[in-house]
Each structure stands twice: as C-alpha cells, then as structure tokens.
C-alpha cells in the first residue's frame, strides 16, 4: 500500500469512505506522523491521529482498510 506524505487523498474504500486524508511528517515536533482526516480536501475542519513511526503508519492504513485516490 502506498502512503504519501504531505499529499491529500480521497478515501475510496474502508473506514470513512468519501473523506479526505493527509499524512504530515511531524518527526521534528512529536517524533511521528499526524494523520489528518476531513470532509473537504482543504483539510480545514477535521480530526487528527498520531502514530510513532512508518511501520505504525502503514498498520493504521491497513487496519482502516483504506484505499486512497491521491489528488
């Protein structure tokens, strides 16, 4: 599964179908990655989750069952 950092994508399968996702490399501040989800691609209003490393990031996407159309 391809997980792109810093690029917005639309969730086309799995949990939260129809929402948008963006992964932010936050290693400088928190040591991990922020996973932002929102109703619109501008990511202005939404939710965030945090994972500690790339392995946890991949696991998060697999667990959610996400298929992403990267914009």
Protein backbone atom coordinates (compact mmCIF):
# COMPACT_ATOMS: atom_id res chain seq x y z
CA UNK A 1 0.00 0.00 0.00
CA UNK A 2 1.29 3.42 -0.94
CA UNK A 3 1.10 6.06 1.80
CA UNK A 4 2.09 9.51 0.56
CA UNK A 5 3.39 12.11 2.98
CA UNK A 6 2.18 15.69 2.61
CA UNK A 7 -0.35 14.93 -0.15
CA UNK A 8 -4.14 14.95 0.14
CA UNK A 9 -6.07 11.88 -0.94
CA UNK A 10 -9.70 10.82 -1.01
CA UNK A 11 -10.66 7.64 0.85
CA UNK A 12 -12.42 5.41 -1.70
CA UNK A 13 -12.66 2.20 0.38
CA UNK A 14 -12.59 1.25 4.04
CA UNK A 15 -13.50 3.30 7.10
CA UNK A 16 -14.56 6.90 6.42
CA UNK A 17 -15.23 6.47 2.68
CA UNK A 18 -15.65 9.84 0.97
CA UNK A 19 -13.49 11.74 3.44
CA UNK A 20 -10.06 13.14 2.71
CA UNK A 21 -6.77 12.20 4.34
CA UNK A 22 -3.36 13.84 4.61
CA UNK A 23 -0.30 12.48 6.42
CA UNK A 24 2.02 15.08 7.93
CA UNK A 25 5.62 14.25 8.84
CA UNK A 26 5.79 15.60 12.40
CA UNK A 27 9.06 13.92 13.43
CA UNK A 28 10.60 17.27 14.32
CA UNK A 29 7.90 18.04 16.91
CA UNK A 30 6.41 14.75 18.09
CA UNK A 31 8.72 12.17 16.59
CA UNK A 32 5.98 10.64 14.44
CA UNK A 33 3.27 11.27 11.87
CA UNK A 34 -0.07 13.08 12.06
CA UNK A 35 -2.94 11.52 10.10
CA UNK A 36 -5.48 14.21 9.27
CA UNK A 37 -9.00 13.37 8.06
CA UNK A 38 -11.60 15.89 6.89
CA UNK A 39 -14.81 16.25 4.90
CA UNK A 40 -13.16 18.57 2.33
CA UNK A 41 -9.79 18.48 0.55
CA UNK A 42 -8.72 21.82 2.08
CA UNK A 43 -8.38 19.92 5.41
CA UNK A 44 -9.64 22.99 7.32
CA UNK A 45 -12.11 21.19 9.60
CA UNK A 46 -11.44 17.63 10.65
CA UNK A 47 -9.73 15.24 13.01
CA UNK A 48 -6.22 14.04 13.60
CA UNK A 49 -4.49 10.94 14.87
CA UNK A 50 -0.84 10.31 15.62
CA UNK A 51 1.43 7.32 15.05
CA UNK A 52 5.03 6.91 16.16
CA UNK A 53 6.76 5.64 13.00
CA UNK A 54 6.39 4.44 9.39
CA UNK A 55 5.52 0.90 10.46
CA UNK A 56 2.68 2.16 12.66
CA UNK A 57 1.56 4.44 9.82
CA UNK A 58 1.28 1.54 7.39
CA UNK A 59 -0.53 -0.54 10.02
CA UNK A 60 -3.01 2.29 10.59
CA UNK A 61 -3.92 2.41 6.88
CA UNK A 62 -4.23 -1.40 6.70
CA UNK A 63 -6.40 -1.58 9.82
CA UNK A 64 -8.71 1.14 8.46
CA UNK A 65 -8.97 -0.81 5.19
CA UNK A 66 -8.20 2.37 3.27
CA UNK A 67 -7.79 2.58 -0.45
CA UNK A 68 -6.74 6.12 -1.34
CA UNK A 69 -7.11 8.10 -4.55
CA UNK A 70 -4.22 10.57 -4.24
CA UNK A 71 -5.07 14.02 -5.61
